[in-house]
């Protein structure tokens, strides 16, 4: 990939530029990767150092920090700019006046937003379980952990690599990059600076960089050699940078070939590979639906030279199809091993999992010698 100056690359890539040739050095591996989705978020509050550390100790190959940015320009790990669901900010009277409403990618949100806090202020908050109704056991850890910076996650991955005697990879995602650029807080420049400072901008580094948007990935592809992964939202949706096509159009063979001009892999939701029947409008959360026949997405992506890392594998019944639910309630565990076996058989190259230990065990069952 060609290298250009940072500012020039962003200016060119976020507007228009000539397509580049499909890369011939796509990363490969012998068996599917296990990516700790927000760490081991099935067992600890997500995007905390404790969650990442547990994922690594459970055998995850990579840990995934979602990236947003503080008012003073520091990249931190949160799933969304709005932080009320994952921190105790609403209990802090000193920050009560910060509650506001913002429109992000066309959707209105009310709450507290990371870009309205300095890093020092954010560090006074403590993480909380995002879905306590399904993961009540995780709430015992509420209040114990701070919000980590990207640099702290990198430092942790290196300590874990030494302690575990194997390299723990990083799989950062830029969250809502068009929104952050629109408010004068772009994510790409500070991300590239940190990657370069830590030697993680090279293809040989154990890293993937991902986003649901397109133009920021095109820009990053021109600035760094790290492998790039295009995420897919709902089929009818479009990337927030108005790149033109719906995700459904991007998932066609022609769309995947176009993605391969700037990316090394794709991260679809599981239903791009094994669809499910639609549930009736207004159905309660966790309403199960039956599976439909698998699609050709994995084969189409592989023909385009792209790796396939679907999301998100979770143990609870709530997240499983009708066929893979067990008796019990939404928080009880479903037939997770059957789901992993199904996706491994369909040829995926990795899985994002809230429960890395389950994913690692399923992979061991599937790829053990003589199995």
Protein backbone atom coordinates (compact mmCIF):
# COMPACT_ATOMS: atom_id res chain seq x y z
CA UNK A 1 0.00 0.00 0.00
CA UNK A 2 1.23 3.45 -0.79
CA UNK A 3 2.26 5.83 1.97
CA UNK A 4 1.35 9.51 1.89
CA UNK A 5 1.39 12.29 4.42
CA UNK A 6 -1.39 11.98 6.99
CA UNK A 7 -3.25 15.19 6.29
CA UNK A 8 -3.00 14.80 2.54
CA UNK A 9 -4.21 11.21 2.69
CA UNK A 10 -7.29 12.10 4.69
CA UNK A 11 -8.14 15.05 2.50
CA UNK A 12 -7.84 12.96 -0.63
CA UNK A 13 -9.39 9.77 0.68
CA UNK A 14 -12.44 11.37 2.27
CA UNK A 15 -13.38 12.99 -1.03
CA UNK A 16 -12.48 11.15 -4.22
CA UNK A 17 -9.51 9.23 -5.49
CA UNK A 18 -8.60 6.60 -8.01
CA UNK A 19 -9.21 2.97 -6.98
CA UNK A 20 -6.18 0.92 -6.06
CA UNK A 21 -5.40 -2.62 -7.14
CA UNK A 22 -6.66 -5.54 -5.10
CA UNK A 23 -4.01 -6.51 -2.57
CA UNK A 24 -2.28 -9.83 -3.22
CA UNK A 25 -1.02 -10.33 0.34
CA UNK A 26 -4.28 -10.95 2.20
CA UNK A 27 -3.66 -12.25 5.73
CA UNK A 28 -4.52 -15.89 6.28
CA UNK A 29 -4.48 -18.34 9.16
CA UNK A 30 -4.80 -22.09 9.60
CA UNK A 31 -7.96 -22.08 11.72
CA UNK A 32 -10.59 -19.48 12.64
CA UNK A 33 -9.55 -16.63 14.91
CA UNK A 34 -11.34 -15.93 18.16
CA UNK A 35 -11.85 -12.21 18.72
CA UNK A 36 -12.84 -11.14 22.23
CA UNK A 37 -15.82 -8.89 21.44
CA UNK A 38 -15.34 -5.84 23.66
CA UNK A 39 -13.14 -8.20 25.65
CA UNK A 40 -14.90 -11.06 27.43
CA UNK A 41 -18.10 -9.02 27.68
CA UNK A 42 -20.17 -12.07 28.55
CA UNK A 43 -18.43 -12.11 31.93
CA UNK A 44 -17.24 -8.57 32.72
CA UNK A 45 -18.49 -5.07 31.89
CA UNK A 46 -17.47 -4.44 28.30
CA UNK A 47 -14.49 -2.35 27.21
CA UNK A 48 -12.65 -2.55 30.51
CA UNK A 49 -9.11 -3.73 31.06
CA UNK A 50 -10.54 -6.57 33.15
CA UNK A 51 -12.73 -7.66 30.25
CA UNK A 52 -9.83 -7.59 27.77
CA UNK A 53 -7.51 -9.41 30.15
CA UNK A 54 -10.06 -12.15 30.78
CA UNK A 55 -10.60 -12.61 27.03
CA UNK A 56 -6.88 -13.11 26.50
CA UNK A 57 -6.61 -15.55 29.38
CA UNK A 58 -9.56 -17.49 27.96
CA UNK A 59 -7.63 -17.98 24.73
CA UNK A 60 -8.82 -15.14 22.49
CA UNK A 61 -6.40 -14.35 19.67
CA UNK A 62 -7.49 -10.70 19.51
CA UNK A 63 -9.20 -8.19 21.78
CA UNK A 64 -11.51 -5.55 20.33
CA UNK A 65 -11.57 -1.95 21.57
CA UNK A 66 -14.25 0.29 20.05
CA UNK A 67 -12.86 3.81 19.82
CA UNK A 68 -14.43 7.18 20.62
CA UNK A 69 -12.70 10.43 21.61
CA UNK A 70 -12.69 12.77 24.60
CA UNK A 71 -12.98 16.55 24.51
CA UNK A 72 -9.21 16.82 24.83
CA UNK A 73 -8.56 14.45 21.95
CA UNK A 74 -7.76 11.13 23.62
CA UNK A 75 -9.02 7.86 22.11
CA UNK A 76 -10.85 5.73 24.69
CA UNK A 77 -12.70 2.42 24.55
CA UNK A 78 -16.50 2.73 24.60
CA UNK A 79 -19.08 1.18 22.32
CA UNK A 80 -20.85 4.47 21.64
CA UNK A 81 -20.31 8.19 22.20
CA UNK A 82 -23.27 8.09 24.64
CA UNK A 83 -21.94 6.63 27.90
CA UNK A 84 -24.93 6.42 30.27
CA UNK A 85 -25.57 2.74 29.58
CA UNK A 86 -21.99 1.68 30.30
CA UNK A 87 -20.84 4.02 33.10
CA UNK A 88 -22.21 5.49 36.32
CA UNK A 89 -22.22 9.03 34.89
CA UNK A 90 -25.93 9.52 35.64
CA UNK A 91 -25.21 9.14 39.37
CA UNK A 92 -22.63 11.93 39.41
CA UNK A 93 -24.24 15.25 40.38
CA UNK A 94 -21.19 17.19 39.24
CA UNK A 95 -21.96 16.14 35.66
CA UNK A 96 -25.77 16.49 35.71
CA UNK A 97 -25.68 19.62 33.55
CA UNK A 98 -23.91 17.69 30.78
CA UNK A 99 -27.05 15.71 29.89
CA UNK A 100 -28.07 16.73 26.41
CA UNK A 101 -29.56 15.50 23.12
CA UNK A 102 -27.48 14.96 20.00
CA UNK A 103 -28.10 13.61 16.51
CA UNK A 104 -25.54 10.98 15.50
CA UNK A 105 -25.73 9.51 12.01
CA UNK A 106 -29.33 10.71 11.70
CA UNK A 107 -30.52 9.25 15.02
CA UNK A 108 -31.37 11.38 18.07
CA UNK A 109 -29.83 10.33 21.40
CA UNK A 110 -30.32 11.78 24.87
CA UNK A 111 -27.71 11.29 27.56
CA UNK A 112 -24.06 11.98 28.30
CA UNK A 113 -21.48 12.02 25.54
CA UNK A 114 -17.81 11.16 25.73
CA UNK A 115 -16.75 14.16 23.64
CA UNK A 116 -18.11 16.46 26.38
CA UNK A 117 -15.67 15.07 28.97
CA UNK A 118 -11.95 15.49 29.36
CA UNK A 119 -9.95 12.33 29.93
CA UNK A 120 -9.43 13.33 33.56
CA UNK A 121 -13.17 13.71 34.06
CA UNK A 122 -13.90 10.43 32.27
CA UNK A 123 -11.41 8.64 34.51
CA UNK A 124 -13.54 9.51 37.55
CA UNK A 125 -16.41 7.42 36.15
CA UNK A 126 -16.75 3.67 36.60
CA UNK A 127 -17.94 1.08 34.11
CA UNK A 128 -21.26 -0.75 34.41
CA UNK A 129 -22.79 -3.80 32.73
CA UNK A 130 -24.61 -2.73 29.56
CA UNK A 131 -27.32 -5.44 29.54
CA UNK A 132 -27.99 -6.27 33.21
CA UNK A 133 -31.33 -7.92 32.46
CA UNK A 134 -29.48 -10.69 30.60
CA UNK A 135 -26.18 -10.60 32.49
CA UNK A 136 -27.14 -9.98 36.09
CA UNK A 137 -24.04 -11.78 37.35
CA UNK A 138 -21.86 -9.21 35.61
CA UNK A 139 -23.38 -6.41 37.68
CA UNK A 140 -21.33 -7.56 40.67
CA UNK A 141 -18.40 -5.86 38.89
CA UNK A 142 -20.19 -2.52 38.43
CA UNK A 143 -18.15 0.32 39.85
CA UNK A 144 -14.82 -1.54 39.87
CA UNK A 145 -13.25 -0.50 36.57
CA UNK A 146 -12.31 2.74 34.82
CA UNK A 147 -12.71 3.62 31.13
CA UNK A 148 -9.40 2.72 29.41
CA UNK A 149 -7.54 4.68 26.78
CA UNK A 150 -6.39 3.00 23.59
CA UNK A 151 -2.80 3.29 24.78
CA UNK A 152 -3.71 1.50 28.00
CA UNK A 153 -5.29 -1.32 25.96
CA UNK A 154 -2.14 -1.59 23.84
CA UNK A 155 0.04 -1.67 26.95
CA UNK A 156 -2.21 -4.35 28.47
CA UNK A 157 -2.01 -6.50 25.33
CA UNK A 158 1.78 -6.43 25.54
CA UNK A 159 1.83 -7.37 29.22
CA UNK A 160 -0.59 -10.21 28.51
CA UNK A 161 1.50 -11.37 25.55
CA UNK A 162 4.52 -11.68 27.80
CA UNK A 163 2.61 -13.35 30.62
CA UNK A 164 0.81 -15.84 28.37
CA UNK A 165 3.79 -16.40 26.05
CA UNK A 166 1.73 -15.75 22.93
CA UNK A 167 0.92 -12.55 21.08
CA UNK A 168 -2.45 -10.98 21.85
CA UNK A 169 -3.67 -9.06 18.82
CA UNK A 170 -5.68 -5.84 18.65
CA UNK A 171 -8.83 -5.30 16.59
CA UNK A 172 -9.82 -1.62 17.04
CA UNK A 173 -12.98 -0.14 15.52
CA UNK A 174 -13.53 3.52 14.74
CA UNK A 175 -17.05 4.35 15.96
CA UNK A 176 -19.12 6.94 14.09
CA UNK A 177 -16.11 8.52 12.35
CA UNK A 178 -18.23 10.83 10.16
CA UNK A 179 -20.00 12.20 13.23
CA UNK A 180 -16.76 12.83 15.09
CA UNK A 181 -15.22 14.49 12.04
CA UNK A 182 -18.31 16.72 11.74
CA UNK A 183 -17.72 18.09 15.25
CA UNK A 184 -14.04 18.67 14.66
CA UNK A 185 -12.79 15.57 16.46
CA UNK A 186 -11.69 13.14 13.75
CA UNK A 187 -10.64 9.68 14.88
CA UNK A 188 -8.26 8.75 12.09
CA UNK A 189 -5.35 11.09 12.84
CA UNK A 190 -4.97 10.19 16.53
CA UNK A 191 -5.46 6.50 15.71
CA UNK A 192 -2.70 6.54 13.11
CA UNK A 193 -0.38 8.44 15.46
CA UNK A 194 -0.86 5.86 18.20
CA UNK A 195 -0.47 2.92 15.83
CA UNK A 196 2.73 4.36 14.41
CA UNK A 197 4.13 5.20 17.83
CA UNK A 198 3.56 1.59 18.90
CA UNK A 199 4.72 -0.03 15.67
CA UNK A 200 1.22 -1.30 14.89
CA UNK A 201 0.81 0.33 11.49
CA UNK A 202 2.53 -2.54 9.67
CA UNK A 203 1.00 -5.58 8.03
CA UNK A 204 3.26 -7.82 10.10
CA UNK A 205 1.71 -6.47 13.32
CA UNK A 206 -1.04 -8.55 14.86
CA UNK A 207 -3.83 -6.07 14.24
CA UNK A 208 -6.94 -5.42 12.18
CA UNK A 209 -8.63 -2.00 11.88
CA UNK A 210 -12.39 -2.00 11.25
CA UNK A 211 -15.32 0.35 10.67
CA UNK A 212 -18.92 0.36 9.46
CA UNK A 213 -18.07 3.30 7.23
CA UNK A 214 -16.18 3.26 3.94
CA UNK A 215 -14.28 6.45 3.25
CA UNK A 216 -12.40 6.42 6.54
CA UNK A 217 -11.26 2.87 5.76
CA UNK A 218 -10.14 3.97 2.31
CA UNK A 219 -8.18 6.75 4.00
CA UNK A 220 -6.65 4.44 6.57
CA UNK A 221 -5.72 1.97 3.84
CA UNK A 222 -3.62 4.71 2.25
CA UNK A 223 -1.96 5.71 5.51
CA UNK A 224 -1.10 2.40 7.19
CA UNK A 225 -0.24 -1.14 6.16
CA UNK A 226 -2.37 -2.76 8.89
CA UNK A 227 -5.12 -5.04 7.53
CA UNK A 228 -8.49 -3.32 7.06
CA UNK A 229 -11.93 -4.86 7.72
CA UNK A 230 -15.21 -3.50 6.36
CA UNK A 231 -18.11 -4.04 8.77
CA UNK A 232 -21.69 -4.52 7.58
CA UNK A 233 -24.79 -3.06 9.24
CA UNK A 234 -28.39 -3.94 8.47
CA UNK A 235 -29.05 -4.84 4.86
CA UNK A 236 -31.29 -1.85 4.19
CA UNK A 237 -28.90 0.55 5.90
CA UNK A 238 -26.10 2.57 4.39
CA UNK A 239 -22.73 3.62 5.77
CA UNK A 240 -23.08 6.94 7.56
CA UNK A 241 -20.54 8.56 5.25
CA UNK A 242 -23.09 8.33 2.40
CA UNK A 243 -20.83 6.15 0.29
CA UNK A 244 -23.82 5.42 -1.94
CA UNK A 245 -24.59 1.71 -1.67
CA UNK A 246 -26.67 -0.12 0.88
CA UNK A 247 -24.98 -2.84 2.88
CA UNK A 248 -27.04 -5.37 0.92
CA UNK A 249 -25.53 -4.03 -2.32
CA UNK A 250 -22.07 -4.11 -0.76
CA UNK A 251 -22.64 -7.79 0.11
CA UNK A 252 -23.10 -8.86 -3.50
CA UNK A 253 -20.19 -10.48 -5.37
CA UNK A 254 -19.57 -7.21 -7.22
CA UNK A 255 -19.78 -5.22 -4.00
CA UNK A 256 -17.32 -7.52 -2.26
CA UNK A 257 -14.87 -7.20 -5.15
CA UNK A 258 -15.04 -3.43 -4.74
CA UNK A 259 -14.40 -3.74 -1.00
CA UNK A 260 -11.32 -5.83 -1.76
CA UNK A 261 -9.79 -2.75 -3.41
CA UNK A 262 -9.27 -1.18 0.02
CA UNK A 263 -9.90 -3.90 2.62
CA UNK A 264 -8.53 -7.29 3.60
CA UNK A 265 -11.63 -8.68 5.27
CA UNK A 266 -15.31 -8.18 6.02
CA UNK A 267 -17.23 -8.30 9.28
CA UNK A 268 -20.88 -9.14 8.60
CA UNK A 269 -23.53 -9.79 11.20
CA UNK A 270 -24.27 -13.51 11.43
CA UNK A 271 -27.50 -13.20 9.46
CA UNK A 272 -25.59 -12.36 6.28
CA UNK A 273 -24.35 -15.95 6.44
CA UNK A 274 -27.24 -17.78 8.14
CA UNK A 275 -30.37 -15.62 7.76
CA UNK A 276 -33.39 -15.86 10.02
CA UNK A 277 -37.05 -15.35 9.32
CA UNK A 278 -38.34 -11.89 10.21
CA UNK A 279 -40.20 -11.53 13.50
CA UNK A 280 -43.56 -9.70 13.45
CA UNK A 281 -43.33 -5.93 13.97
CA UNK A 282 -43.64 -4.95 17.61
CA UNK A 283 -42.42 -8.32 18.89
CA UNK A 284 -40.74 -8.27 22.31
CA UNK A 285 -36.98 -8.28 22.55
CA UNK A 286 -35.45 -11.76 22.37
CA UNK A 287 -38.31 -13.15 20.27
CA UNK A 288 -36.75 -16.17 18.52
CA UNK A 289 -37.06 -16.83 14.80
CA UNK A 290 -36.16 -19.87 12.70
CA UNK A 291 -33.09 -20.10 10.51
CA UNK A 292 -33.21 -19.92 6.74
CA UNK A 293 -30.82 -21.61 4.32
CA UNK A 294 -27.22 -20.36 4.47
CA UNK A 295 -26.20 -17.83 1.84
CA UNK A 296 -23.16 -17.78 -0.43
CA UNK A 297 -21.66 -14.79 1.42
CA UNK A 298 -18.59 -16.62 2.75
CA UNK A 299 -17.75 -18.16 -0.61
CA UNK A 300 -18.36 -14.87 -2.43
CA UNK A 301 -16.08 -13.00 -0.01
CA UNK A 302 -13.36 -15.63 -0.31
CA UNK A 303 -13.52 -15.44 -4.09
CA UNK A 304 -12.94 -11.70 -3.76
CA UNK A 305 -9.87 -12.41 -1.59
CA UNK A 306 -11.48 -11.28 1.67
CA UNK A 307 -11.40 -12.85 5.11
CA UNK A 308 -14.77 -13.24 6.87
CA UNK A 309 -15.13 -12.46 10.60
CA UNK A 310 -18.84 -12.45 11.53
CA UNK A 311 -20.33 -10.93 14.69
CA UNK A 312 -21.59 -11.48 17.39
CA UNK A 313 -21.53 -14.93 18.99
CA UNK A 314 -23.11 -14.96 22.45
CA UNK A 315 -24.15 -17.80 24.72
CA UNK A 316 -27.57 -16.57 25.88
CA UNK A 317 -30.81 -17.90 24.39
CA UNK A 318 -31.81 -14.32 23.55
CA UNK A 319 -29.24 -14.23 20.76
CA UNK A 320 -29.93 -17.65 19.23
CA UNK A 321 -32.28 -18.85 16.53
CA UNK A 322 -35.31 -20.96 17.41
CA UNK A 323 -33.34 -24.09 16.50
CA UNK A 324 -30.49 -23.23 18.85
CA UNK A 325 -32.38 -22.16 21.94
CA UNK A 326 -32.53 -24.37 25.03
CA UNK A 327 -35.44 -24.54 27.49
CA UNK A 328 -35.42 -21.62 29.90
CA UNK A 329 -35.46 -17.88 29.72
CA UNK A 330 -33.63 -15.36 27.50
CA UNK A 331 -30.61 -15.22 29.85
CA UNK A 332 -30.17 -19.00 29.95
CA UNK A 333 -27.55 -20.45 27.65
CA UNK A 334 -28.52 -21.78 24.25
CA UNK A 335 -26.85 -24.28 21.94
CA UNK A 336 -23.76 -22.17 21.38
CA UNK A 337 -21.51 -25.07 20.38
CA UNK A 338 -23.90 -26.04 17.60
CA UNK A 339 -23.82 -22.50 16.27
CA UNK A 340 -20.03 -22.32 16.24
CA UNK A 341 -19.83 -25.70 14.50
CA UNK A 342 -22.28 -24.50 11.86
CA UNK A 343 -20.30 -21.34 11.09
CA UNK A 344 -16.94 -23.10 11.16
CA UNK A 345 -18.31 -25.61 8.66
CA UNK A 346 -19.40 -22.73 6.42
CA UNK A 347 -15.79 -21.57 6.28
CA UNK A 348 -15.60 -18.39 8.34
CA UNK A 349 -12.09 -17.17 9.15
CA UNK A 350 -12.84 -15.86 12.63
CA UNK A 351 -15.63 -15.06 15.07
CA UNK A 352 -16.40 -12.13 17.34
CA UNK A 353 -17.48 -13.63 20.65
CA UNK A 354 -18.68 -12.25 23.99
CA UNK A 355 -17.69 -15.64 25.44
CA UNK A 356 -14.18 -16.36 24.17
CA UNK A 357 -13.80 -19.50 26.27
CA UNK A 358 -16.81 -21.05 24.54
CA UNK A 359 -15.48 -20.05 21.13
CA UNK A 360 -12.02 -21.46 21.87
CA UNK A 361 -13.50 -24.72 23.14
CA UNK A 362 -15.74 -25.01 20.08
CA UNK A 363 -12.76 -24.37 17.80
CA UNK A 364 -10.73 -27.02 19.61
CA UNK A 365 -13.56 -29.52 19.14
CA UNK A 366 -13.87 -28.72 15.45
CA UNK A 367 -10.20 -28.53 14.51
CA UNK A 368 -8.58 -31.02 16.88
CA UNK A 369 -6.46 -33.66 15.13
CA UNK A 370 -8.62 -36.59 14.12
CA UNK A 371 -11.91 -34.77 14.75
